[in-house]
Protein backbone atom coordinates (compact mmCIF):
# COMPACT_ATOMS: atom_id res chain seq x y z
CA MET A 1 45.28 -127.24 -10.19
CA ALA A 2 49.05 -127.59 -10.07
CA VAL A 3 51.42 -125.99 -12.55
CA THR A 4 52.25 -128.16 -15.57
CA HIS A 5 55.88 -127.88 -16.71
CA THR A 6 57.03 -129.00 -20.18
CA ILE A 7 59.92 -128.32 -22.54
CA GLY A 8 59.79 -127.54 -26.26
CA ARG A 9 62.80 -127.43 -28.57
CA ARG A 10 63.48 -126.30 -32.15
CA LYS A 11 66.95 -125.92 -33.72
CA THR A 12 68.96 -124.34 -30.86
CA SER A 13 65.98 -122.80 -29.03
CA VAL A 14 64.78 -124.26 -25.73
CA ALA A 15 61.44 -123.16 -24.23
CA ARG A 16 60.41 -124.04 -20.67
CA VAL A 17 56.62 -123.73 -20.48
CA PHE A 18 54.67 -123.41 -17.21
CA LEU A 19 50.89 -123.75 -17.71
CA LYS A 20 48.24 -123.23 -15.02
CA GLU A 21 44.55 -122.35 -14.93
CA GLY A 22 43.91 -118.63 -15.26
CA LYS A 23 42.53 -115.90 -17.46
CA GLY A 24 44.67 -116.37 -20.58
CA ASP A 25 47.87 -114.38 -19.96
CA ILE A 26 50.86 -115.51 -22.02
CA VAL A 27 54.17 -114.19 -20.68
CA ILE A 28 57.47 -114.88 -22.47
CA ASN A 29 60.70 -113.92 -20.68
CA LYS A 30 58.71 -111.56 -18.38
CA LYS A 31 57.09 -109.73 -21.34
CA ALA A 32 53.61 -110.06 -22.86
CA TYR A 33 53.85 -112.35 -25.89
CA LYS A 34 52.55 -109.66 -28.28
CA GLU A 35 55.38 -107.43 -27.06
CA TYR A 36 58.04 -110.20 -27.31
CA PHE A 37 56.95 -111.37 -30.79
CA THR A 38 56.09 -108.36 -32.94
CA THR A 39 54.66 -110.05 -36.07
CA GLY A 40 51.28 -111.69 -36.67
CA PRO A 41 52.57 -115.07 -37.91
CA LEU A 42 54.60 -115.51 -34.71
CA HIS A 43 51.53 -114.63 -32.59
CA TYR A 44 49.60 -117.27 -34.55
CA LYS A 45 52.29 -119.91 -33.92
CA VAL A 46 52.15 -119.31 -30.16
CA GLU A 47 48.31 -119.34 -30.10
CA GLN A 48 47.84 -122.28 -32.52
CA PRO A 49 47.66 -125.17 -29.98
CA LEU A 50 45.26 -123.17 -27.78
CA GLN A 51 42.99 -122.33 -30.73
CA LEU A 52 42.90 -125.93 -32.01
CA THR A 53 41.93 -127.28 -28.57
CA GLU A 54 39.55 -124.32 -27.91
CA ASN A 55 41.43 -123.32 -24.74
CA MET A 56 42.09 -119.63 -25.54
CA GLY A 57 41.70 -117.63 -22.32
CA LYS A 58 41.55 -120.66 -20.00
CA TYR A 59 45.22 -120.98 -19.01
CA ASP A 60 47.97 -118.63 -17.87
CA ILE A 61 51.23 -119.52 -19.60
CA MET A 62 54.68 -118.46 -18.44
CA VAL A 63 57.58 -119.23 -20.75
CA ASN A 64 61.35 -118.97 -20.38
CA VAL A 65 62.95 -119.28 -23.81
CA GLU A 66 66.59 -119.00 -24.88
CA GLY A 67 68.79 -119.64 -27.89
CA GLY A 68 68.17 -119.46 -31.62
CA GLY A 69 66.16 -116.85 -33.51
CA ILE A 70 62.62 -115.62 -33.08
CA THR A 71 61.01 -118.20 -35.40
CA GLY A 72 62.80 -121.10 -33.70
CA GLN A 73 61.77 -119.71 -30.32
CA ALA A 74 58.12 -119.37 -31.39
CA GLU A 75 58.05 -122.96 -32.67
CA ALA A 76 59.75 -124.24 -29.49
CA ILE A 77 57.07 -122.45 -27.42
CA ARG A 78 54.34 -123.97 -29.64
CA LEU A 79 55.68 -127.49 -28.98
CA GLY A 80 55.95 -126.82 -25.23
CA ILE A 81 52.36 -125.54 -25.04
CA SER A 82 51.11 -128.52 -27.08
CA ARG A 83 52.86 -130.98 -24.76
CA ALA A 84 51.44 -129.23 -21.68
CA LEU A 85 47.88 -129.35 -23.06
CA VAL A 86 48.23 -133.09 -23.79
CA GLU A 87 49.60 -133.66 -20.27
CA ILE A 88 46.49 -131.98 -18.83
CA ASN A 89 44.02 -133.73 -21.17
CA PRO A 90 45.30 -136.68 -23.30
CA GLU A 91 42.28 -136.30 -25.64
CA HIS A 92 43.89 -133.15 -27.09
CA LYS A 93 46.57 -135.30 -28.73
CA SER A 94 44.11 -136.43 -31.43
CA LEU A 95 43.58 -132.75 -32.39
CA LEU A 96 47.21 -131.62 -32.25
CA LYS A 97 49.04 -134.57 -33.81
CA PRO A 98 47.47 -134.33 -37.32
CA GLU A 99 48.52 -130.64 -37.42
CA GLY A 100 52.14 -131.66 -36.67
CA LEU A 101 52.26 -129.87 -33.32
CA MET A 102 53.35 -132.91 -31.28
CA THR A 103 56.46 -133.61 -33.38
CA ARG A 104 59.88 -132.28 -32.44
CA ASP A 105 61.35 -130.90 -35.69
CA PRO A 106 64.71 -132.73 -36.00
CA ARG A 107 66.27 -130.41 -38.60
CA MET A 108 69.48 -128.84 -37.31
CA VAL A 109 72.29 -126.84 -38.89
CA GLU A 110 74.82 -129.10 -40.59
CA ARG A 111 78.31 -128.81 -39.17
CA LYS A 112 81.15 -127.10 -41.01
CA LYS A 113 83.72 -129.52 -42.46
CA PHE A 114 87.46 -128.86 -42.36
CA GLY A 115 89.07 -127.91 -45.68
CA GLN A 116 85.80 -126.25 -46.76
CA LYS A 117 84.33 -122.79 -46.42
CA LYS A 118 81.01 -123.98 -44.91
CA ALA A 119 79.14 -127.28 -44.49
CA ARG A 120 78.90 -127.87 -48.26
CA LYS A 121 80.50 -124.83 -49.90
CA LYS A 122 84.11 -125.40 -50.98
CA PHE A 123 86.97 -122.96 -51.37
CA GLN A 124 87.36 -121.66 -54.94
CA PHE A 125 89.13 -124.20 -57.13
CA SER A 126 91.98 -122.97 -59.32
CA LYS A 127 93.37 -125.29 -61.96
CA ARG A 128 96.49 -123.13 -62.56
C-alpha cells in the first residue's frame, strides 16, 4: 500500500499527515504523540477518527505540524487523519461526518482595527 498524504488545518495550525499500513505508531514532529501532547484530551482528539472507524493499531501515522497552539495542532491533526481514512476507504465518511470530523473549522482570529486597542476593544473614552 502506498502512503496517503493529506492536510488538516485549524486556526493557524497546518498538519501534514502521512498514513500507511503498519502497527499503529503515531509520530508527530519526530516524537511519539503521547510525548508531544501531554494531556489526555489531546490524546483523545488525535485518536478519535481511528477509534470511530475501528482502525486503532492498523496504520502508522507520521505528522508534520506547525503554527498555532497545542489544541489547534491536535484538531488539525484530527482533520488530517480523518481525511486520510476517507481517502483509503470512502465508507468511513458516513461514520466521521456526523461527529463533525470532516469539517474544517472556519473560525479564525478577528483582525485588529486601527484606532482601537484590539479587534473590538476600544481605547478608554474620556468626556473631559
